Amino acid sequence: MKEKLCFQKGDIAAIAMVVFLAAIVFACFLPGINDMAAFVEVYQGGELIERFPLSEDREFMVTGDYVNTVTIRDGKAAITHSDCPGGDCMHSGWVGASGRSIVCLPNGVEIRIVSDDAEVDFVVG
């Protein structure tokens, strides 16, 4: 004979609490969930030349040896046009999560997504 599996009220409450806490922990680690104040920083030759909020749609050009067109749209950024050889930077796609970047090596340009949150991810050493 099989015994029927019965849950007590306390068992159901404990299971619900574990599921709820697991959902909160999972949501905290989703990319972009904590990037409410994210910015696009544009570096050329290692120096910061522009900084724009990721929340404002815009398009601008970065000129050097070549010309890169940077587009910010819907909370993401991309290099949408470049006359550099290869055009690998254009194929990097759209980035929107803090810590992501796009690099155009021939033009010496780096597009970084950064957050105002100065939280340290980890320390080495």
PDB file of N, CA and C in Angstrom:
ATOM      1  N   MET A   1       0.823  -1.162   0.000  1.00  0.00           N
ATOM      2  CA  MET A   1       0.000   0.000   0.000  1.00  0.00           C
ATOM      3  C   MET A   1       0.881   1.244   0.000  1.00  0.00           C
ATOM      4  N   LYS A   2       0.473   2.224  -0.816  1.00  0.00           N
ATOM      5  CA  LYS A   2       1.241   3.460  -0.878  1.00  0.00           C
ATOM      6  C   LYS A   2       0.698   4.455   0.129  1.00  0.00           C
ATOM      7  N   GLU A   3       1.640   5.169   0.744  1.00  0.00           N
ATOM      8  CA  GLU A   3       1.223   6.220   1.659  1.00  0.00           C
ATOM      9  C   GLU A   3       1.023   7.506   0.885  1.00  0.00           C
ATOM     10  N   LYS A   4      -0.001   8.230   1.220  1.00  0.00           N
ATOM     11  CA  LYS A   4      -0.287   9.494   0.551  1.00  0.00           C
ATOM     12  C   LYS A   4       0.639  10.567   1.119  1.00  0.00           C
ATOM     13  N   LEU A   5       1.256  11.338   0.204  1.00  0.00           N
ATOM     14  CA  LEU A   5       2.177  12.396   0.602  1.00  0.00           C
ATOM     15  C   LEU A   5       1.368  13.634   0.969  1.00  0.00           C
ATOM     16  N   CYS A   6       1.457  14.057   2.186  1.00  0.00           N
ATOM     17  CA  CYS A   6       0.689  15.219   2.648  1.00  0.00           C
ATOM     18  C   CYS A   6       1.646  16.313   3.092  1.00  0.00           C
ATOM     19  N   PHE A   7       1.288  17.526   2.714  1.00  0.00           N
ATOM     20  CA  PHE A   7       2.062  18.690   3.147  1.00  0.00           C
ATOM     21  C   PHE A   7       1.312  19.400   4.260  1.00  0.00           C
ATOM     22  N   GLN A   8       2.042  19.836   5.219  1.00  0.00           N
ATOM     23  CA  GLN A   8       1.481  20.651   6.285  1.00  0.00           C
ATOM     24  C   GLN A   8       1.531  22.114   5.849  1.00  0.00           C
ATOM     25  N   LYS A   9       0.814  22.986   6.527  1.00  0.00           N
ATOM     26  CA  LYS A   9       0.827  24.415   6.194  1.00  0.00           C
ATOM     27  C   LYS A   9       2.238  24.984   6.286  1.00  0.00           C
ATOM     28  N   GLY A  10       2.994  24.564   7.250  1.00  0.00           N
ATOM     29  CA  GLY A  10       4.366  25.039   7.417  1.00  0.00           C
ATOM     30  C   GLY A  10       5.272  24.600   6.277  1.00  0.00           C
ATOM     31  N   ASP A  11       5.052  23.389   5.752  1.00  0.00           N
ATOM     32  CA  ASP A  11       5.841  22.898   4.618  1.00  0.00           C
ATOM     33  C   ASP A  11       5.600  23.758   3.381  1.00  0.00           C
ATOM     34  N   ILE A  12       4.352  24.056   3.111  1.00  0.00           N
ATOM     35  CA  ILE A  12       4.000  24.867   1.943  1.00  0.00           C
ATOM     36  C   ILE A  12       4.575  26.274   2.084  1.00  0.00           C
ATOM     37  N   ALA A  13       4.508  26.840   3.270  1.00  0.00           N
ATOM     38  CA  ALA A  13       5.063  28.178   3.503  1.00  0.00           C
ATOM     39  C   ALA A  13       6.582  28.172   3.316  1.00  0.00           C
ATOM     40  N   ALA A  14       7.256  27.134   3.778  1.00  0.00           N
ATOM     41  CA  ALA A  14       8.714  27.050   3.630  1.00  0.00           C
ATOM     42  C   ALA A  14       9.103  26.909   2.156  1.00  0.00           C
ATOM     43  N   ILE A  15       8.383  26.088   1.413  1.00  0.00           N
ATOM     44  CA  ILE A  15       8.665  25.921  -0.019  1.00  0.00           C
ATOM     45  C   ILE A  15       8.431  27.232  -0.761  1.00  0.00           C
ATOM     46  N   ALA A  16       7.342  27.909  -0.451  1.00  0.00           N
ATOM     47  CA  ALA A  16       7.041  29.194  -1.100  1.00  0.00           C
ATOM     48  C   ALA A  16       8.128  30.218  -0.795  1.00  0.00           C
ATOM     49  N   MET A  17       8.629  30.241   0.430  1.00  0.00           N
ATOM     50  CA  MET A  17       9.675  31.188   0.815  1.00  0.00           C
ATOM     51  C   MET A  17      10.974  30.895   0.061  1.00  0.00           C
ATOM     52  N   VAL A  18      11.342  29.633  -0.081  1.00  0.00           N
ATOM     53  CA  VAL A  18      12.561  29.262  -0.803  1.00  0.00           C
ATOM     54  C   VAL A  18      12.448  29.657  -2.275  1.00  0.00           C
ATOM     55  N   VAL A  19      11.304  29.399  -2.897  1.00  0.00           N
ATOM     56  CA  VAL A  19      11.101  29.767  -4.299  1.00  0.00           C
ATOM     57  C   VAL A  19      11.160  31.284  -4.458  1.00  0.00           C
ATOM     58  N   PHE A  20      10.539  32.016  -3.558  1.00  0.00           N
ATOM     59  CA  PHE A  20      10.544  33.480  -3.607  1.00  0.00           C
ATOM     60  C   PHE A  20      11.966  34.031  -3.480  1.00  0.00           C
ATOM     61  N   LEU A  21      12.731  33.543  -2.523  1.00  0.00           N
ATOM     62  CA  LEU A  21      14.107  34.005  -2.338  1.00  0.00           C
ATOM     63  C   LEU A  21      14.989  33.636  -3.529  1.00  0.00           C
ATOM     64  N   ALA A  22      14.789  32.456  -4.098  1.00  0.00           N
ATOM     65  CA  ALA A  22      15.559  32.052  -5.281  1.00  0.00           C
ATOM     66  C   ALA A  22      15.262  32.977  -6.457  1.00  0.00           C
ATOM     67  N   ALA A  23      14.010  33.377  -6.627  1.00  0.00           N
ATOM     68  CA  ALA A  23      13.645  34.295  -7.714  1.00  0.00           C
ATOM     69  C   ALA A  23      14.299  35.656  -7.520  1.00  0.00           C
ATOM     70  N   ILE A  24      14.365  36.144  -6.296  1.00  0.00           N
ATOM     71  CA  ILE A  24      15.004  37.439  -6.025  1.00  0.00           C
ATOM     72  C   ILE A  24      16.503  37.361  -6.320  1.00  0.00           C
ATOM     73  N   VAL A  25      17.164  36.314  -5.871  1.00  0.00           N
ATOM     74  CA  VAL A  25      18.599  36.157  -6.119  1.00  0.00           C
ATOM     75  C   VAL A  25      18.863  36.054  -7.618  1.00  0.00           C
ATOM     76  N   PHE A  26      18.054  35.299  -8.338  1.00  0.00           N
ATOM     77  CA  PHE A  26      18.213  35.158  -9.785  1.00  0.00           C
ATOM     78  C   PHE A  26      18.046  36.504 -10.478  1.00  0.00           C
ATOM     79  N   ALA A  27      17.049  37.276 -10.084  1.00  0.00           N
ATOM     80  CA  ALA A  27      16.788  38.577 -10.709  1.00  0.00           C
ATOM     81  C   ALA A  27      17.936  39.556 -10.472  1.00  0.00           C
ATOM     82  N   CYS A  28      18.602  39.457  -9.348  1.00  0.00           N
ATOM     83  CA  CYS A  28      19.713  40.363  -9.050  1.00  0.00           C
ATOM     84  C   CYS A  28      20.906  40.132  -9.968  1.00  0.00           C
ATOM     85  N   PHE A  29      21.037  38.945 -10.520  1.00  0.00           N
ATOM     86  CA  PHE A  29      22.180  38.630 -11.362  1.00  0.00           C
ATOM     87  C   PHE A  29      21.880  38.695 -12.851  1.00  0.00           C
ATOM     88  N   LEU A  30      20.666  39.085 -13.226  1.00  0.00           N
ATOM     89  CA  LEU A  30      20.358  39.247 -14.644  1.00  0.00           C
ATOM     90  C   LEU A  30      21.124  40.438 -15.193  1.00  0.00           C
ATOM     91  N   PRO A  31      21.690  40.326 -16.413  1.00  0.00           N
ATOM     92  CA  PRO A  31      22.429  41.452 -16.989  1.00  0.00           C
ATOM     93  C   PRO A  31      21.520  42.645 -17.201  1.00  0.00           C
ATOM     94  N   GLY A  32      22.022  43.795 -16.802  1.00  0.00           N
ATOM     95  CA  GLY A  32      21.299  45.033 -17.043  1.00  0.00           C
ATOM     96  C   GLY A  32      20.244  45.365 -16.012  1.00  0.00           C
ATOM     97  N   ILE A  33      19.932  44.474 -15.078  1.00  0.00           N
ATOM     98  CA  ILE A  33      18.849  44.730 -14.143  1.00  0.00           C
ATOM     99  C   ILE A  33      19.210  45.837 -13.155  1.00  0.00           C
ATOM    100  N   ASN A  34      20.496  45.989 -12.861  1.00  0.00           N
ATOM    101  CA  ASN A  34      20.922  47.007 -11.909  1.00  0.00           C
ATOM    102  C   ASN A  34      21.530  48.225 -12.586  1.00  0.00           C
ATOM    103  N   ASP A  35      21.415  48.314 -13.902  1.00  0.00           N
ATOM    104  CA  ASP A  35      22.059  49.387 -14.650  1.00  0.00           C
ATOM    105  C   ASP A  35      21.094  50.521 -14.964  1.00  0.00           C
ATOM    106  N   MET A  36      20.381  50.987 -13.957  1.00  0.00           N
ATOM    107  CA  MET A  36      19.387  52.025 -14.188  1.00  0.00           C
ATOM    108  C   MET A  36      20.039  53.334 -14.634  1.00  0.00           C
ATOM    109  N   ALA A  37      21.230  53.638 -14.165  1.00  0.00           N
ATOM    110  CA  ALA A  37      21.911  54.882 -14.535  1.00  0.00           C
ATOM    111  C   ALA A  37      23.140  54.546 -15.363  1.00  0.00           C
ATOM    112  N   ALA A  38      22.933  53.910 -16.511  1.00  0.00           N
ATOM    113  CA  ALA A  38      24.055  53.496 -17.354  1.00  0.00           C
ATOM    114  C   ALA A  38      24.414  54.595 -18.347  1.00  0.00           C
ATOM    115  N   PHE A  39      25.678  54.611 -18.722  1.00  0.00           N
ATOM    116  CA  PHE A  39      26.193  55.610 -19.655  1.00  0.00           C
ATOM    117  C   PHE A  39      27.018  54.929 -20.735  1.00  0.00           C
ATOM    118  N   VAL A  40      27.145  55.621 -21.860  1.00  0.00           N
ATOM    119  CA  VAL A  40      28.042  55.208 -22.928  1.00  0.00           C
ATOM    120  C   VAL A  40      29.260  56.106 -22.831  1.00  0.00           C
ATOM    121  N   GLU A  41      30.424  55.517 -22.643  1.00  0.00           N
ATOM    122  CA  GLU A  41      31.667  56.279 -22.645  1.00  0.00           C
ATOM    123  C   GLU A  41      32.428  55.946 -23.912  1.00  0.00           C
ATOM    124  N   VAL A  42      32.912  56.991 -24.580  1.00  0.00           N
ATOM    125  CA  VAL A  42      33.644  56.821 -25.832  1.00  0.00           C
ATOM    126  C   VAL A  42      35.093  57.217 -25.586  1.00  0.00           C
ATOM    127  N   TYR A  43      35.991  56.276 -25.819  1.00  0.00           N
ATOM    128  CA  TYR A  43      37.423  56.506 -25.653  1.00  0.00           C
ATOM    129  C   TYR A  43      38.087  56.466 -27.023  1.00  0.00           C
ATOM    130  N   GLN A  44      39.040  57.362 -27.222  1.00  0.00           N
ATOM    131  CA  GLN A  44      39.852  57.317 -28.432  1.00  0.00           C
ATOM    132  C   GLN A  44      41.301  57.508 -28.013  1.00  0.00           C
ATOM    133  N   GLY A  45      42.142  56.583 -28.405  1.00  0.00           N
ATOM    134  CA  GLY A  45      43.539  56.627 -27.988  1.00  0.00           C
ATOM    135  C   GLY A  45      43.694  56.496 -26.487  1.00  0.00           C
ATOM    136  N   GLY A  46      42.744  55.822 -25.829  1.00  0.00           N
ATOM    137  CA  GLY A  46      42.803  55.619 -24.388  1.00  0.00           C
ATOM    138  C   GLY A  46      42.268  56.771 -23.559  1.00  0.00           C
ATOM    139  N   GLU A  47      41.814  57.860 -24.192  1.00  0.00           N
ATOM    140  CA  GLU A  47      41.296  59.022 -23.464  1.00  0.00           C
ATOM    141  C   GLU A  47      39.792  59.139 -23.658  1.00  0.00           C
ATOM    142  N   LEU A  48      39.090  59.457 -22.574  1.00  0.00           N
ATOM    143  CA  LEU A  48      37.644  59.654 -22.628  1.00  0.00           C
ATOM    144  C   LEU A  48      37.343  60.920 -23.425  1.00  0.00           C
ATOM    145  N   ILE A  49      36.553  60.781 -24.510  1.00  0.00           N
ATOM    146  CA  ILE A  49      36.230  61.954 -25.326  1.00  0.00           C
ATOM    147  C   ILE A  49      34.748  62.318 -25.266  1.00  0.00           C
ATOM    148  N   GLU A  50      33.874  61.358 -24.949  1.00  0.00           N
ATOM    149  CA  GLU A  50      32.436  61.617 -24.861  1.00  0.00           C
ATOM    150  C   GLU A  50      31.823  60.721 -23.801  1.00  0.00           C
ATOM    151  N   ARG A  51      30.719  61.209 -23.205  1.00  0.00           N
ATOM    152  CA  ARG A  51      29.945  60.404 -22.255  1.00  0.00           C
ATOM    153  C   ARG A  51      28.483  60.808 -22.406  1.00  0.00           C
ATOM    154  N   PHE A  52      27.634  59.829 -22.715  1.00  0.00           N
ATOM    155  CA  PHE A  52      26.213  60.090 -22.924  1.00  0.00           C
ATOM    156  C   PHE A  52      25.389  59.108 -22.103  1.00  0.00           C
ATOM    157  N   PRO A  53      24.201  59.543 -21.633  1.00  0.00           N
ATOM    158  CA  PRO A  53      23.307  58.591 -20.961  1.00  0.00           C
ATOM    159  C   PRO A  53      22.801  57.554 -21.959  1.00  0.00           C
ATOM    160  N   LEU A  54      22.744  56.335 -21.553  1.00  0.00           N
ATOM    161  CA  LEU A  54      22.263  55.259 -22.412  1.00  0.00           C
ATOM    162  C   LEU A  54      20.760  55.383 -22.661  1.00  0.00           C
ATOM    163  N   SER A  55      20.091  56.162 -21.839  1.00  0.00           N
ATOM    164  CA  SER A  55      18.640  56.322 -21.962  1.00  0.00           C
ATOM    165  C   SER A  55      18.233  57.317 -23.046  1.00  0.00           C
ATOM    166  N   GLU A  56      19.167  58.112 -23.560  1.00  0.00           N
ATOM    167  CA  GLU A  56      18.849  59.118 -24.579  1.00  0.00           C
ATOM    168  C   GLU A  56      19.311  58.640 -25.950  1.00  0.00           C
ATOM    169  N   ASP A  57      18.359  58.484 -26.873  1.00  0.00           N
ATOM    170  CA  ASP A  57      18.697  58.061 -28.233  1.00  0.00           C
ATOM    171  C   ASP A  57      19.461  59.169 -28.944  1.00  0.00           C
ATOM    172  N   ARG A  58      20.541  58.804 -29.616  1.00  0.00           N
ATOM    173  CA  ARG A  58      21.333  59.768 -30.383  1.00  0.00           C
ATOM    174  C   ARG A  58      22.264  59.026 -31.328  1.00  0.00           C
ATOM    175  N   GLU A  59      22.828  59.786 -32.258  1.00  0.00           N
ATOM    176  CA  GLU A  59      23.808  59.256 -33.196  1.00  0.00           C
ATOM    177  C   GLU A  59      24.905  60.297 -33.327  1.00  0.00           C
ATOM    178  N   PHE A  60      26.156  59.867 -33.276  1.00  0.00           N
ATOM    179  CA  PHE A  60      27.272  60.802 -33.391  1.00  0.00           C
ATOM    180  C   PHE A  60      28.444  60.112 -34.065  1.00  0.00           C
ATOM    181  N   MET A  61      29.367  60.918 -34.550  1.00  0.00           N
ATOM    182  CA  MET A  61      30.534  60.390 -35.258  1.00  0.00           C
ATOM    183  C   MET A  61      31.789  60.580 -34.432  1.00  0.00           C
ATOM    184  N   VAL A  62      32.685  59.617 -34.528  1.00  0.00           N
ATOM    185  CA  VAL A  62      34.004  59.699 -33.915  1.00  0.00           C
ATOM    186  C   VAL A  62      34.995  59.655 -35.074  1.00  0.00           C
ATOM    187  N   THR A  63      35.752  60.734 -35.221  1.00  0.00           N
ATOM    188  CA  THR A  63      36.690  60.803 -36.341  1.00  0.00           C
ATOM    189  C   THR A  63      38.119  60.671 -35.842  1.00  0.00           C
ATOM    190  N   GLY A  64      38.910  60.035 -36.644  1.00  0.00           N
ATOM    191  CA  GLY A  64      40.333  59.833 -36.382  1.00  0.00           C
ATOM    192  C   GLY A  64      40.953  59.479 -37.710  1.00  0.00           C
ATOM    193  N   ASP A  65      41.700  58.390 -37.752  1.00  0.00           N
ATOM    194  CA  ASP A  65      42.197  57.890 -39.032  1.00  0.00           C
ATOM    195  C   ASP A  65      41.030  57.425 -39.900  1.00  0.00           C
ATOM    196  N   TYR A  66      39.949  57.000 -39.246  1.00  0.00           N
ATOM    197  CA  TYR A  66      38.727  56.551 -39.910  1.00  0.00           C
ATOM    198  C   TYR A  66      37.550  57.221 -39.218  1.00  0.00           C
ATOM    199  N   VAL A  67      36.345  56.965 -39.706  1.00  0.00           N
ATOM    200  CA  VAL A  67      35.138  57.552 -39.112  1.00  0.00           C
ATOM    201  C   VAL A  67      34.233  56.423 -38.625  1.00  0.00           C
ATOM    202  N   ASN A  68      33.840  56.501 -37.343  1.00  0.00           N
ATOM    203  CA  ASN A  68      32.882  55.562 -36.764  1.00  0.00           C
ATOM    204  C   ASN A  68      31.598  56.319 -36.451  1.00  0.00           C
ATOM    205  N   THR A  69      30.459  55.748 -36.817  1.00  0.00           N
ATOM    206  CA  THR A  69      29.168  56.300 -36.420  1.00  0.00           C
ATOM    207  C   THR A  69      28.640  55.456 -35.275  1.00  0.00           C
ATOM    208  N   VAL A  70      28.435  56.096 -34.127  1.00  0.00           N
ATOM    209  CA  VAL A  70      27.935  55.412 -32.936  1.00  0.00           C
ATOM    210  C   VAL A  70      26.463  55.771 -32.776  1.00  0.00           C
ATOM    211  N   THR A  71      25.628  54.755 -32.601  1.00  0.00           N
ATOM    212  CA  THR A  71      24.193  54.958 -32.427  1.00  0.00           C
ATOM    213  C   THR A  71      23.785  54.443 -31.058  1.00  0.00           C
ATOM    214  N   ILE A  72      23.034  55.275 -30.323  1.00  0.00           N
ATOM    215  CA  ILE A  72      22.448  54.873 -29.042  1.00  0.00           C
ATOM    216  C   ILE A  72      20.941  54.833 -29.261  1.00  0.00           C
ATOM    217  N   ARG A  73      20.343  53.663 -29.024  1.00  0.00           N
ATOM    218  CA  ARG A  73      18.910  53.513 -29.245  1.00  0.00           C
ATOM    219  C   ARG A  73      18.355  52.435 -28.320  1.00  0.00           C
ATOM    220  N   ASP A  74      17.221  52.722 -27.701  1.00  0.00           N
ATOM    221  CA  ASP A  74      16.513  51.755 -26.850  1.00  0.00           C
ATOM    222  C   ASP A  74      17.394  51.177 -25.747  1.00  0.00           C
ATOM    223  N   GLY A  75      18.255  52.010 -25.159  1.00  0.00           N
ATOM    224  CA  GLY A  75      19.092  51.568 -24.054  1.00  0.00           C
ATOM    225  C   GLY A  75      20.272  50.711 -24.454  1.00  0.00           C
ATOM    226  N   LYS A  76      20.632  50.749 -25.744  1.00  0.00           N
ATOM    227  CA  LYS A  76      21.784  49.985 -26.232  1.00  0.00           C
ATOM    228  C   LYS A  76      22.604  50.861 -27.164  1.00  0.00           C
ATOM    229  N   ALA A  77      23.854  50.482 -27.380  1.00  0.00           N
ATOM    230  CA  ALA A  77      24.743  51.243 -28.261  1.00  0.00           C
ATOM    231  C   ALA A  77      25.413  50.294 -29.247  1.00  0.00           C
ATOM    232  N   ALA A  78      25.739  50.850 -30.431  1.00  0.00           N
ATOM    233  CA  ALA A  78      26.431  50.066 -31.459  1.00  0.00           C
ATOM    234  C   ALA A  78      27.200  51.007 -32.362  1.00  0.00           C
ATOM    235  N   ILE A  79      28.234  50.486 -32.993  1.00  0.00           N
ATOM    236  CA  ILE A  79      28.885  51.206 -34.087  1.00  0.00           C
ATOM    237  C   ILE A  79      28.142  50.757 -35.340  1.00  0.00           C
ATOM    238  N   THR A  80      27.349  51.667 -35.911  1.00  0.00           N
ATOM    239  CA  THR A  80      26.469  51.307 -37.025  1.00  0.00           C
ATOM    240  C   THR A  80      27.100  51.557 -38.386  1.00  0.00           C
ATOM    241  N   HIS A  81      28.158  52.348 -38.433  1.00  0.00           N
ATOM    242  CA  HIS A  81      28.878  52.548 -39.694  1.00  0.00           C
ATOM    243  C   HIS A  81      30.339  52.830 -39.376  1.00  0.00           C
ATOM    244  N   SER A  82      31.219  52.270 -40.195  1.00  0.00           N
ATOM    245  CA  SER A  82      32.644  52.521 -40.039  1.00  0.00           C
ATOM    246  C   SER A  82      33.322  52.327 -41.383  1.00  0.00           C
ATOM    247  N   ASP A  83      34.261  53.217 -41.685  1.00  0.00           N
ATOM    248  CA  ASP A  83      35.003  53.056 -42.934  1.00  0.00           C
ATOM    249  C   ASP A  83      36.386  52.434 -42.697  1.00  0.00           C
ATOM    250  N   CYS A  84      36.563  51.819 -41.523  1.00  0.00           N
ATOM    251  CA  CYS A  84      37.838  51.163 -41.221  1.00  0.00           C
ATOM    252  C   CYS A  84      37.937  49.846 -41.991  1.00  0.00           C
ATOM    253  N   PRO A  85      39.161  49.355 -42.202  1.00  0.00           N
ATOM    254  CA  PRO A  85      39.314  48.081 -42.905  1.00  0.00           C
ATOM    255  C   PRO A  85      38.721  46.925 -42.087  1.00  0.00           C
ATOM    256  N   GLY A  86      37.975  46.085 -42.749  1.00  0.00           N
ATOM    257  CA  GLY A  86      37.392  44.918 -42.072  1.00  0.00           C
ATOM    258  C   GLY A  86      36.029  45.189 -41.479  1.00  0.00           C
ATOM    259  N   GLY A  87      35.847  46.308 -40.826  1.00  0.00           N
ATOM    260  CA  GLY A  87      34.563  46.661 -40.222  1.00  0.00           C
ATOM    261  C   GLY A  87      34.116  45.726 -39.114  1.00  0.00           C
ATOM    262  N   ASP A  88      35.086  45.114 -38.419  1.00  0.00           N
ATOM    263  CA  ASP A  88      34.730  44.185 -37.342  1.00  0.00           C
ATOM    264  C   ASP A  88      33.919  44.859 -36.241  1.00  0.00           C
ATOM    265  N   CYS A  89      34.177  46.144 -36.001  1.00  0.00           N
ATOM    266  CA  CYS A  89      33.460  46.861 -34.945  1.00  0.00           C
ATOM    267  C   CYS A  89      31.959  46.917 -35.233  1.00  0.00           C
ATOM    268  N   MET A  90      31.582  47.008 -36.501  1.00  0.00           N
ATOM    269  CA  MET A  90      30.162  47.046 -36.855  1.00  0.00           C
ATOM    270  C   MET A  90      29.493  45.699 -36.605  1.00  0.00           C
ATOM    271  N   HIS A  91      30.264  44.625 -36.686  1.00  0.00           N
ATOM    272  CA  HIS A  91      29.712  43.286 -36.508  1.00  0.00           C
ATOM    273  C   HIS A  91      29.654  42.877 -35.037  1.00  0.00           C
ATOM    274  N   SER A  92      30.071  43.760 -34.139  1.00  0.00           N
ATOM    275  CA  SER A  92      30.008  43.462 -32.702  1.00  0.00           C
ATOM    276  C   SER A  92      28.586  43.512 -32.179  1.00  0.00           C
ATOM    277  N   GLY A  93      27.698  44.157 -32.917  1.00  0.00           N
ATOM    278  CA  GLY A  93      26.295  44.217 -32.511  1.00  0.00           C
ATOM    279  C   GLY A  93      26.031  45.293 -31.474  1.00  0.00           C
ATOM    280  N   TRP A  94      24.889  45.155 -30.821  1.00  0.00           N
ATOM    281  CA  TRP A  94      24.424  46.129 -29.833  1.00  0.00           C
ATOM    282  C   TRP A  94      24.810  45.674 -28.436  1.00  0.00           C
ATOM    283  N   VAL A  95      25.278  46.618 -27.609  1.00  0.00           N
ATOM    284  CA  VAL A  95      25.617  46.323 -26.216  1.00  0.00           C
ATOM    285  C   VAL A  95      24.813  47.250 -25.316  1.00  0.00           C
ATOM    286  N   GLY A  96      24.385  46.719 -24.168  1.00  0.00           N
ATOM    287  CA  GLY A  96      23.596  47.534 -23.259  1.00  0.00           C
ATOM    288  C   GLY A  96      23.861  47.251 -21.794  1.00  0.00           C
ATOM    289  N   ALA A  97      24.534  46.153 -21.498  1.00  0.00           N
ATOM    290  CA  ALA A  97      24.808  45.796 -20.107  1.00  0.00           C
ATOM    291  C   ALA A  97      26.124  46.419 -19.657  1.00  0.00           C
ATOM    292  N   SER A  98      26.149  46.857 -18.412  1.00  0.00           N
ATOM    293  CA  SER A  98      27.349  47.459 -17.846  1.00  0.00           C
ATOM    294  C   SER A  98      28.516  46.484 -17.935  1.00  0.00           C
ATOM    295  N   GLY A  99      29.670  47.011 -18.361  1.00  0.00           N
ATOM    296  CA  GLY A  99      30.859  46.190 -18.510  1.00  0.00           C
ATOM    297  C   GLY A  99      31.095  45.712 -19.930  1.00  0.00           C
ATOM    298  N   ARG A 100      30.105  45.835 -20.791  1.00  0.00           N
ATOM    299  CA  ARG A 100      30.260  45.422 -22.187  1.00  0.00           C
ATOM    300  C   ARG A 100      30.923  46.539 -22.978  1.00  0.00           C
ATOM    301  N   SER A 101      31.602  46.197 -24.074  1.00  0.00           N
ATOM    302  CA  SER A 101      32.267  47.217 -24.886  1.00  0.00           C
ATOM    303  C   SER A 101      32.355  46.782 -26.343  1.00  0.00           C
ATOM    304  N   ILE A 102      32.591  47.765 -27.202  1.00  0.00           N
ATOM    305  CA  ILE A 102      32.850  47.554 -28.622  1.00  0.00           C
ATOM    306  C   ILE A 102      34.155  48.273 -28.921  1.00  0.00           C
ATOM    307  N   VAL A 103      35.030  47.642 -29.693  1.00  0.00           N
ATOM    308  CA  VAL A 103      36.337  48.227 -29.985  1.00  0.00           C
ATOM    309  C   VAL A 103      36.545  48.290 -31.490  1.00  0.00           C
ATOM    310  N   CYS A 104      37.045  49.440 -31.964  1.00  0.00           N
ATOM    311  CA  CYS A 104      37.498  49.591 -33.348  1.00  0.00           C
ATOM    312  C   CYS A 104      39.005  49.828 -33.275  1.00  0.00           C
ATOM    313  N   LEU A 105      39.775  48.778 -33.472  1.00  0.00           N
ATOM    314  CA  LEU A 105      41.230  48.885 -33.342  1.00  0.00           C
ATOM    315  C   LEU A 105      41.863  49.832 -34.356  1.00  0.00           C
ATOM    316  N   PRO A 106      41.476  49.791 -35.655  1.00  0.00           N
ATOM    317  CA  PRO A 106      42.128  50.694 -36.608  1.00  0.00           C
ATOM    318  C   PRO A 106      41.940  52.174 -36.276  1.00  0.00           C
ATOM    319  N   ASN A 107      40.805  52.522 -35.675  1.00  0.00           N
ATOM    320  CA  ASN A 107      40.541  53.921 -35.335  1.00  0.00           C
ATOM    321  C   ASN A 107      40.886  54.229 -33.878  1.00  0.00           C
ATOM    322  N   GLY A 108      41.269  53.227 -33.106  1.00  0.00           N
ATOM    323  CA  GLY A 108      41.625  53.437 -31.703  1.00  0.00           C
ATOM    324  C   GLY A 108      40.448  53.851 -30.845  1.00  0.00           C
ATOM    325  N   VAL A 109      39.239  53.346 -31.170  1.00  0.00           N
ATOM    326  CA  VAL A 109      38.013  53.749 -30.476  1.00  0.00           C
ATOM    327  C   VAL A 109      37.481  52.588 -29.649  1.00  0.00           C
ATOM    328  N   GLU A 110      37.050  52.903 -28.430  1.00  0.00           N
ATOM    329  CA  GLU A 110      36.376  51.927 -27.583  1.00  0.00           C
ATOM    330  C   GLU A 110      35.086  52.545 -27.072  1.00  0.00           C
ATOM    331  N   ILE A 111      33.996  51.806 -27.209  1.00  0.00           N
ATOM    332  CA  ILE A 111      32.695  52.209 -26.689  1.00  0.00           C
ATOM    333  C   ILE A 111      32.443  51.339 -25.466  1.00  0.00           C
ATOM    334  N   ARG A 112      32.285  51.958 -24.285  1.00  0.00           N
ATOM    335  CA  ARG A 112      32.066  51.201 -23.044  1.00  0.00           C
ATOM    336  C   ARG A 112      30.703  51.541 -22.466  1.00  0.00           C
ATOM    337  N   ILE A 113      30.031  50.532 -21.939  1.00  0.00           N
ATOM    338  CA  ILE A 113      28.809  50.744 -21.177  1.00  0.00           C
ATOM    339  C   ILE A 113      29.214  50.692 -19.709  1.00  0.00           C
ATOM    340  N   VAL A 114      28.947  51.776 -18.998  1.00  0.00           N
ATOM    341  CA  VAL A 114      29.331  51.863 -17.589  1.00  0.00           C
ATOM    342  C   VAL A 114      28.123  52.268 -16.762  1.00  0.00           C
ATOM    343  N   SER A 115      28.187  51.976 -15.489  1.00  0.00           N
ATOM    344  CA  SER A 115      27.127  52.331 -14.559  1.00  0.00           C
ATOM    345  C   SER A 115      27.690  53.278 -13.518  1.00  0.00           C
ATOM    346  N   ASP A 116      26.849  54.123 -12.973  1.00  0.00           N
ATOM    347  CA  ASP A 116      27.280  55.004 -11.889  1.00  0.00           C
ATOM    348  C   ASP A 116      27.534  54.231 -10.608  1.00  0.00           C
ATOM    349  N   ASP A 117      27.032  53.017 -10.543  1.00  0.00           N
ATOM    350  CA  ASP A 117      27.224  52.171  -9.377  1.00  0.00           C
ATOM    351  C   ASP A 117      28.697  51.811  -9.282  1.00  0.00           C
ATOM    352  N   ALA A 118      29.377  52.303  -8.272  1.00  0.00           N
ATOM    353  CA  ALA A 118      30.820  52.097  -8.128  1.00  0.00           C
ATOM    354  C   ALA A 118      31.134  50.822  -7.351  1.00  0.00           C
ATOM    355  N   GLU A 119      30.242  49.864  -7.409  1.00  0.00           N
ATOM    356  CA  GLU A 119      30.420  48.620  -6.681  1.00  0.00           C
ATOM    357  C   GLU A 119      31.580  47.810  -7.265  1.00  0.00           C
ATOM    358  N   VAL A 120      32.408  47.241  -6.407  1.00  0.00           N
ATOM    359  CA  VAL A 120      33.537  46.423  -6.835  1.00  0.00           C
ATOM    360  C   VAL A 120      33.033  45.006  -7.082  1.00  0.00           C
ATOM    361  N   ASP A 121      33.338  44.458  -8.270  1.00  0.00           N
ATOM    362  CA  ASP A 121      32.911  43.101  -8.590  1.00  0.00           C
ATOM    363  C   ASP A 121      33.736  42.070  -7.829  1.00  0.00           C
ATOM    364  N   PHE A 122      35.060  42.206  -7.895  1.00  0.00           N
ATOM    365  CA  PHE A 122      35.933  41.297  -7.167  1.00  0.00           C
ATOM    366  C   PHE A 122      37.315  41.913  -7.065  1.00  0.00           C
ATOM    367  N   VAL A 123      38.109  41.381  -6.144  1.00  0.00           N
ATOM    368  CA  VAL A 123      39.470  41.857  -5.939  1.00  0.00           C
ATOM    369  C   VAL A 123      40.407  40.679  -6.150  1.00  0.00           C
ATOM    370  N   VAL A 124      41.466  40.909  -6.923  1.00  0.00           N
ATOM    371  CA  VAL A 124      42.441  39.856  -7.192  1.00  0.00           C
ATOM    372  C   VAL A 124      43.717  40.189  -6.439  1.00  0.00           C
ATOM    373  N   GLY A 125      44.289  39.190  -5.771  1.00  0.00           N
ATOM    374  CA  GLY A 125      45.575  39.407  -5.141  1.00  0.00           C
ATOM    375  C   GLY A 125      45.563  39.458  -3.704  1.00  0.00           C
TER     376      GLY A 125
END
